[in-house]
PDB file of N, CA and C in Angstrom:
ATOM      1  N   MET A   1       0.844  -1.151   0.000  1.00  0.00           N
ATOM      2  CA  MET A   1       0.000   0.000   0.000  1.00  0.00           C
ATOM      3  C   MET A   1       0.904   1.233   0.000  1.00  0.00           C
ATOM      4  N   THR A   2       0.508   2.254  -0.708  1.00  0.00           N
ATOM      5  CA  THR A   2       1.220   3.517  -0.710  1.00  0.00           C
ATOM      6  C   THR A   2       0.431   4.519   0.111  1.00  0.00           C
ATOM      7  N   PHE A   3       1.101   5.186   1.038  1.00  0.00           N
ATOM      8  CA  PHE A   3       0.488   6.229   1.851  1.00  0.00           C
ATOM      9  C   PHE A   3       1.472   7.370   1.952  1.00  0.00           C
ATOM     10  N   ARG A   4       1.097   8.532   1.439  1.00  0.00           N
ATOM     11  CA  ARG A   4       1.938   9.729   1.437  1.00  0.00           C
ATOM     12  C   ARG A   4       3.323   9.444   0.852  1.00  0.00           C
ATOM     13  N   ASP A   5       3.323   8.819  -0.299  1.00  0.00           N
ATOM     14  CA  ASP A   5       4.537   8.483  -1.039  1.00  0.00           C
ATOM     15  C   ASP A   5       5.464   7.510  -0.313  1.00  0.00           C
ATOM     16  N   LEU A   6       4.971   6.812   0.689  1.00  0.00           N
ATOM     17  CA  LEU A   6       5.744   5.797   1.402  1.00  0.00           C
ATOM     18  C   LEU A   6       5.080   4.446   1.163  1.00  0.00           C
ATOM     19  N   GLN A   7       5.874   3.394   1.049  1.00  0.00           N
ATOM     20  CA  GLN A   7       5.357   2.053   0.808  1.00  0.00           C
ATOM     21  C   GLN A   7       5.253   1.276   2.118  1.00  0.00           C
ATOM     22  N   PHE A   8       4.119   0.625   2.334  1.00  0.00           N
ATOM     23  CA  PHE A   8       3.893  -0.185   3.522  1.00  0.00           C
ATOM     24  C   PHE A   8       3.358  -1.540   3.098  1.00  0.00           C
ATOM     25  N   GLU A   9       3.781  -2.585   3.807  1.00  0.00           N
ATOM     26  CA  GLU A   9       3.198  -3.902   3.609  1.00  0.00           C
ATOM     27  C   GLU A   9       2.147  -4.096   4.693  1.00  0.00           C
ATOM     28  N   VAL A  10       0.926  -4.341   4.267  1.00  0.00           N
ATOM     29  CA  VAL A  10      -0.193  -4.469   5.198  1.00  0.00           C
ATOM     30  C   VAL A  10      -0.867  -5.809   4.950  1.00  0.00           C
ATOM     31  N   PRO A  11      -1.102  -6.580   6.017  1.00  0.00           N
ATOM     32  CA  PRO A  11      -1.772  -7.869   5.815  1.00  0.00           C
ATOM     33  C   PRO A  11      -3.241  -7.664   5.443  1.00  0.00           C
ATOM     34  N   GLU A  12      -3.781  -8.610   4.696  1.00  0.00           N
ATOM     35  CA  GLU A  12      -5.207  -8.604   4.377  1.00  0.00           C
ATOM     36  C   GLU A  12      -5.910  -9.422   5.463  1.00  0.00           C
ATOM     37  N   PHE A  13      -6.835  -8.816   6.155  1.00  0.00           N
ATOM     38  CA  PHE A  13      -7.582  -9.518   7.184  1.00  0.00           C
ATOM     39  C   PHE A  13      -8.909 -10.001   6.591  1.00  0.00           C
ATOM     40  N   PRO A  14      -9.403 -11.148   7.048  1.00  0.00           N
ATOM     41  CA  PRO A  14     -10.686 -11.625   6.530  1.00  0.00           C
ATOM     42  C   PRO A  14     -11.807 -10.660   6.903  1.00  0.00           C
ATOM     43  N   HIS A  15     -12.768 -10.545   6.022  1.00  0.00           N
ATOM     44  CA  HIS A  15     -13.887  -9.622   6.244  1.00  0.00           C
ATOM     45  C   HIS A  15     -15.181 -10.422   6.225  1.00  0.00           C
ATOM     46  N   GLY A  16     -15.729 -10.669   7.389  1.00  0.00           N
ATOM     47  CA  GLY A  16     -17.001 -11.388   7.469  1.00  0.00           C
ATOM     48  C   GLY A  16     -16.979 -12.783   6.880  1.00  0.00           C
ATOM     49  N   GLY A  17     -15.807 -13.391   6.796  1.00  0.00           N
ATOM     50  CA  GLY A  17     -15.726 -14.740   6.278  1.00  0.00           C
ATOM     51  C   GLY A  17     -15.847 -14.831   4.757  1.00  0.00           C
ATOM     52  N   VAL A  18     -15.934 -13.690   4.078  1.00  0.00           N
ATOM     53  CA  VAL A  18     -16.089 -13.693   2.622  1.00  0.00           C
ATOM     54  C   VAL A  18     -14.885 -13.010   1.994  1.00  0.00           C
ATOM     55  N   GLY A  19     -13.829 -13.755   1.730  1.00  0.00           N
ATOM     56  CA  GLY A  19     -12.641 -13.188   1.101  1.00  0.00           C
ATOM     57  C   GLY A  19     -11.923 -12.196   2.002  1.00  0.00           C
ATOM     58  N   GLY A  20     -10.972 -11.479   1.439  1.00  0.00           N
ATOM     59  CA  GLY A  20     -10.210 -10.501   2.201  1.00  0.00           C
ATOM     60  C   GLY A  20     -10.781  -9.106   2.035  1.00  0.00           C
ATOM     61  N   ALA A  21     -10.646  -8.289   3.056  1.00  0.00           N
ATOM     62  CA  ALA A  21     -11.086  -6.901   2.985  1.00  0.00           C
ATOM     63  C   ALA A  21     -10.092  -6.116   2.149  1.00  0.00           C
ATOM     64  N   GLU A  22     -10.585  -5.211   1.348  1.00  0.00           N
ATOM     65  CA  GLU A  22      -9.694  -4.395   0.532  1.00  0.00           C
ATOM     66  C   GLU A  22      -8.909  -3.455   1.438  1.00  0.00           C
ATOM     67  N   THR A  23      -7.596  -3.384   1.227  1.00  0.00           N
ATOM     68  CA  THR A  23      -6.741  -2.525   2.035  1.00  0.00           C
ATOM     69  C   THR A  23      -6.703  -1.139   1.418  1.00  0.00           C
ATOM     70  N   SER A  24      -6.921  -0.139   2.232  1.00  0.00           N
ATOM     71  CA  SER A  24      -6.823   1.234   1.764  1.00  0.00           C
ATOM     72  C   SER A  24      -6.109   2.051   2.830  1.00  0.00           C
ATOM     73  N   PRO A  25      -5.501   3.160   2.443  1.00  0.00           N
ATOM     74  CA  PRO A  25      -4.782   3.959   3.428  1.00  0.00           C
ATOM     75  C   PRO A  25      -5.749   4.599   4.421  1.00  0.00           C
ATOM     76  N   PRO A  26      -5.265   4.888   5.612  1.00  0.00           N
ATOM     77  CA  PRO A  26      -6.128   5.524   6.612  1.00  0.00           C
ATOM     78  C   PRO A  26      -6.410   6.967   6.206  1.00  0.00           C
ATOM     79  N   PRO A  27      -7.474   7.553   6.743  1.00  0.00           N
ATOM     80  CA  PRO A  27      -7.726   8.961   6.439  1.00  0.00           C
ATOM     81  C   PRO A  27      -6.655   9.827   7.091  1.00  0.00           C
ATOM     82  N   ALA A  28      -6.391  10.966   6.481  1.00  0.00           N
ATOM     83  CA  ALA A  28      -5.442  11.909   7.068  1.00  0.00           C
ATOM     84  C   ALA A  28      -6.076  12.553   8.301  1.00  0.00           C
ATOM     85  N   LEU A  29      -5.266  12.908   9.267  1.00  0.00           N
ATOM     86  CA  LEU A  29      -5.761  13.568  10.457  1.00  0.00           C
ATOM     87  C   LEU A  29      -6.394  14.888  10.040  1.00  0.00           C
ATOM     88  N   GLY A  30      -7.677  15.048  10.323  1.00  0.00           N
ATOM     89  CA  GLY A  30      -8.397  16.256   9.945  1.00  0.00           C
ATOM     90  C   GLY A  30      -9.156  16.124   8.635  1.00  0.00           C
ATOM     91  N   GLU A  31      -9.077  14.962   7.993  1.00  0.00           N
ATOM     92  CA  GLU A  31      -9.737  14.779   6.694  1.00  0.00           C
ATOM     93  C   GLU A  31     -11.249  14.882   6.792  1.00  0.00           C
ATOM     94  N   HIS A  32     -11.825  14.472   7.902  1.00  0.00           N
ATOM     95  CA  HIS A  32     -13.278  14.469   8.058  1.00  0.00           C
ATOM     96  C   HIS A  32     -13.770  15.505   9.067  1.00  0.00           C
ATOM     97  N   THR A  33     -12.935  16.471   9.398  1.00  0.00           N
ATOM     98  CA  THR A  33     -13.281  17.472  10.408  1.00  0.00           C
ATOM     99  C   THR A  33     -14.591  18.182  10.093  1.00  0.00           C
ATOM    100  N   ALA A  34     -14.730  18.685   8.875  1.00  0.00           N
ATOM    101  CA  ALA A  34     -15.928  19.442   8.500  1.00  0.00           C
ATOM    102  C   ALA A  34     -17.182  18.587   8.633  1.00  0.00           C
ATOM    103  N   ALA A  35     -17.143  17.356   8.137  1.00  0.00           N
ATOM    104  CA  ALA A  35     -18.316  16.481   8.185  1.00  0.00           C
ATOM    105  C   ALA A  35     -18.688  16.113   9.615  1.00  0.00           C
ATOM    106  N   VAL A  36     -17.687  15.825  10.436  1.00  0.00           N
ATOM    107  CA  VAL A  36     -17.966  15.438  11.826  1.00  0.00           C
ATOM    108  C   VAL A  36     -18.575  16.609  12.601  1.00  0.00           C
ATOM    109  N   LEU A  37     -17.985  17.792  12.457  1.00  0.00           N
ATOM    110  CA  LEU A  37     -18.515  18.948  13.175  1.00  0.00           C
ATOM    111  C   LEU A  37     -19.888  19.361  12.655  1.00  0.00           C
ATOM    112  N   ALA A  38     -20.110  19.242  11.350  1.00  0.00           N
ATOM    113  CA  ALA A  38     -21.426  19.556  10.789  1.00  0.00           C
ATOM    114  C   ALA A  38     -22.480  18.600  11.342  1.00  0.00           C
ATOM    115  N   SER A  39     -22.121  17.312  11.466  1.00  0.00           N
ATOM    116  CA  SER A  39     -23.081  16.340  12.003  1.00  0.00           C
ATOM    117  C   SER A  39     -23.373  16.590  13.486  1.00  0.00           C
ATOM    118  N   ALA A  40     -22.468  17.307  14.159  1.00  0.00           N
ATOM    119  CA  ALA A  40     -22.676  17.656  15.569  1.00  0.00           C
ATOM    120  C   ALA A  40     -23.412  18.995  15.704  1.00  0.00           C
ATOM    121  N   GLY A  41     -23.799  19.588  14.557  1.00  0.00           N
ATOM    122  CA  GLY A  41     -24.570  20.821  14.601  1.00  0.00           C
ATOM    123  C   GLY A  41     -23.759  22.100  14.546  1.00  0.00           C
ATOM    124  N   VAL A  42     -22.469  22.008  14.274  1.00  0.00           N
ATOM    125  CA  VAL A  42     -21.624  23.199  14.184  1.00  0.00           C
ATOM    126  C   VAL A  42     -21.872  23.862  12.828  1.00  0.00           C
ATOM    127  N   GLY A  43     -22.244  25.143  12.846  1.00  0.00           N
ATOM    128  CA  GLY A  43     -22.510  25.883  11.622  1.00  0.00           C
ATOM    129  C   GLY A  43     -21.230  26.343  10.945  1.00  0.00           C
ATOM    130  N   GLU A  44     -21.373  26.854   9.724  1.00  0.00           N
ATOM    131  CA  GLU A  44     -20.199  27.242   8.933  1.00  0.00           C
ATOM    132  C   GLU A  44     -19.413  28.372   9.590  1.00  0.00           C
ATOM    133  N   VAL A  45     -20.097  29.372  10.142  1.00  0.00           N
ATOM    134  CA  VAL A  45     -19.402  30.502  10.779  1.00  0.00           C
ATOM    135  C   VAL A  45     -18.613  30.015  11.992  1.00  0.00           C
ATOM    136  N   GLU A  46     -19.235  29.154  12.804  1.00  0.00           N
ATOM    137  CA  GLU A  46     -18.540  28.569  13.962  1.00  0.00           C
ATOM    138  C   GLU A  46     -17.340  27.733  13.520  1.00  0.00           C
ATOM    139  N   TYR A  47     -17.553  26.956  12.459  1.00  0.00           N
ATOM    140  CA  TYR A  47     -16.495  26.084  11.951  1.00  0.00           C
ATOM    141  C   TYR A  47     -15.292  26.900  11.488  1.00  0.00           C
ATOM    142  N   LEU A  48     -15.546  27.943  10.718  1.00  0.00           N
ATOM    143  CA  LEU A  48     -14.450  28.790  10.252  1.00  0.00           C
ATOM    144  C   LEU A  48     -13.731  29.458  11.415  1.00  0.00           C
ATOM    145  N   SER A  49     -14.482  29.824  12.443  1.00  0.00           N
ATOM    146  CA  SER A  49     -13.875  30.404  13.645  1.00  0.00           C
ATOM    147  C   SER A  49     -12.979  29.388  14.347  1.00  0.00           C
ATOM    148  N   LEU A  50     -13.435  28.145  14.417  1.00  0.00           N
ATOM    149  CA  LEU A  50     -12.622  27.083  15.029  1.00  0.00           C
ATOM    150  C   LEU A  50     -11.331  26.864  14.247  1.00  0.00           C
ATOM    151  N   LEU A  51     -11.425  26.864  12.914  1.00  0.00           N
ATOM    152  CA  LEU A  51     -10.226  26.698  12.096  1.00  0.00           C
ATOM    153  C   LEU A  51      -9.250  27.847  12.333  1.00  0.00           C
ATOM    154  N   GLU A  52      -9.780  29.064  12.339  1.00  0.00           N
ATOM    155  CA  GLU A  52      -8.928  30.249  12.509  1.00  0.00           C
ATOM    156  C   GLU A  52      -8.243  30.273  13.869  1.00  0.00           C
ATOM    157  N   SER A  53      -8.951  29.837  14.901  1.00  0.00           N
ATOM    158  CA  SER A  53      -8.385  29.862  16.249  1.00  0.00           C
ATOM    159  C   SER A  53      -7.464  28.683  16.540  1.00  0.00           C
ATOM    160  N   GLY A  54      -7.489  27.660  15.665  1.00  0.00           N
ATOM    161  CA  GLY A  54      -6.683  26.467  15.905  1.00  0.00           C
ATOM    162  C   GLY A  54      -7.418  25.428  16.737  1.00  0.00           C
ATOM    163  N   GLY A  55      -8.692  25.686  17.039  1.00  0.00           N
ATOM    164  CA  GLY A  55      -9.494  24.736  17.808  1.00  0.00           C
ATOM    165  C   GLY A  55      -9.876  23.510  17.010  1.00  0.00           C
ATOM    166  N   ALA A  56      -9.800  23.622  15.691  1.00  0.00           N
ATOM    167  CA  ALA A  56     -10.045  22.506  14.778  1.00  0.00           C
ATOM    168  C   ALA A  56      -9.031  22.621  13.648  1.00  0.00           C
ATOM    169  N   ALA A  57      -8.769  21.511  13.000  1.00  0.00           N
ATOM    170  CA  ALA A  57      -7.804  21.514  11.899  1.00  0.00           C
ATOM    171  C   ALA A  57      -8.312  20.636  10.773  1.00  0.00           C
ATOM    172  N   GLU A  58      -7.945  20.989   9.561  1.00  0.00           N
ATOM    173  CA  GLU A  58      -8.268  20.188   8.390  1.00  0.00           C
ATOM    174  C   GLU A  58      -6.991  19.532   7.883  1.00  0.00           C
ATOM    175  N   ALA A  59      -7.159  18.475   7.120  1.00  0.00           N
ATOM    176  CA  ALA A  59      -6.009  17.811   6.513  1.00  0.00           C
ATOM    177  C   ALA A  59      -5.356  18.752   5.507  1.00  0.00           C
ATOM    178  N   THR A  60      -4.045  18.774   5.519  1.00  0.00           N
ATOM    179  CA  THR A  60      -3.286  19.587   4.582  1.00  0.00           C
ATOM    180  C   THR A  60      -2.477  18.646   3.699  1.00  0.00           C
ATOM    181  N   PRO A  61      -2.679  18.712   2.363  1.00  0.00           N
ATOM    182  CA  PRO A  61      -1.935  17.813   1.485  1.00  0.00           C
ATOM    183  C   PRO A  61      -0.420  17.930   1.690  1.00  0.00           C
ATOM    184  N   GLY A  62       0.233  16.784   1.794  1.00  0.00           N
ATOM    185  CA  GLY A  62       1.685  16.762   1.916  1.00  0.00           C
ATOM    186  C   GLY A  62       2.224  17.041   3.300  1.00  0.00           C
ATOM    187  N   ALA A  63       1.350  17.188   4.296  1.00  0.00           N
ATOM    188  CA  ALA A  63       1.835  17.480   5.651  1.00  0.00           C
ATOM    189  C   ALA A  63       1.204  16.514   6.650  1.00  0.00           C
ATOM    190  N   PHE A  64       2.024  16.016   7.565  1.00  0.00           N
ATOM    191  CA  PHE A  64       1.502  15.222   8.667  1.00  0.00           C
ATOM    192  C   PHE A  64       1.132  16.184   9.784  1.00  0.00           C
ATOM    193  N   ALA A  65      -0.054  16.070  10.298  1.00  0.00           N
ATOM    194  CA  ALA A  65      -0.500  16.978  11.351  1.00  0.00           C
ATOM    195  C   ALA A  65       0.168  16.657  12.690  1.00  0.00           C
ATOM    196  N   TRP A  66       0.590  15.407  12.893  1.00  0.00           N
ATOM    197  CA  TRP A  66       1.113  15.017  14.200  1.00  0.00           C
ATOM    198  C   TRP A  66       2.627  14.965  14.247  1.00  0.00           C
ATOM    199  N   ALA A  67       3.290  14.953  13.129  1.00  0.00           N
ATOM    200  CA  ALA A  67       4.761  14.919  13.134  1.00  0.00           C
ATOM    201  C   ALA A  67       5.272  15.354  11.769  1.00  0.00           C
ATOM    202  N   PRO A  68       6.394  16.042  11.746  1.00  0.00           N
ATOM    203  CA  PRO A  68       6.955  16.435  10.445  1.00  0.00           C
ATOM    204  C   PRO A  68       7.435  15.210   9.661  1.00  0.00           C
ATOM    205  N   VAL A  69       7.368  15.295   8.352  1.00  0.00           N
ATOM    206  CA  VAL A  69       7.848  14.225   7.491  1.00  0.00           C
ATOM    207  C   VAL A  69       9.361  14.328   7.424  1.00  0.00           C
ATOM    208  N   ARG A  70      10.044  13.212   7.707  1.00  0.00           N
ATOM    209  CA  ARG A  70      11.507  13.200   7.650  1.00  0.00           C
ATOM    210  C   ARG A  70      11.935  12.850   6.234  1.00  0.00           C
ATOM    211  N   ARG A  71      12.817  13.624   5.701  1.00  0.00           N
ATOM    212  CA  ARG A  71      13.359  13.364   4.374  1.00  0.00           C
ATOM    213  C   ARG A  71      14.858  13.100   4.516  1.00  0.00           C
ATOM    214  N   GLU A  72      15.323  12.109   3.777  1.00  0.00           N
ATOM    215  CA  GLU A  72      16.750  11.823   3.812  1.00  0.00           C
ATOM    216  C   GLU A  72      17.488  12.896   3.052  1.00  0.00           C
ATOM    217  N   ALA A  73      18.649  13.301   3.576  1.00  0.00           N
ATOM    218  CA  ALA A  73      19.427  14.367   2.941  1.00  0.00           C
ATOM    219  C   ALA A  73      20.244  13.845   1.793  1.00  0.00           C
TER     220      ALA A  73
END
């Protein structure tokens, strides 16, 4: 599996006894922020305020939210 330009070997686990489950990369941290907060009743103005204040974050392409990406020199 490829995730953020890195290769990982991931085992296929059985899914309900019917073949193997398809392996896909995990969501990026913050990828579903808007949908989750909207489902909790947070309006757009509140949401934008949360983003601006740092109270919420969205996924940023090419960046890990929890740790910087290490590149070999």
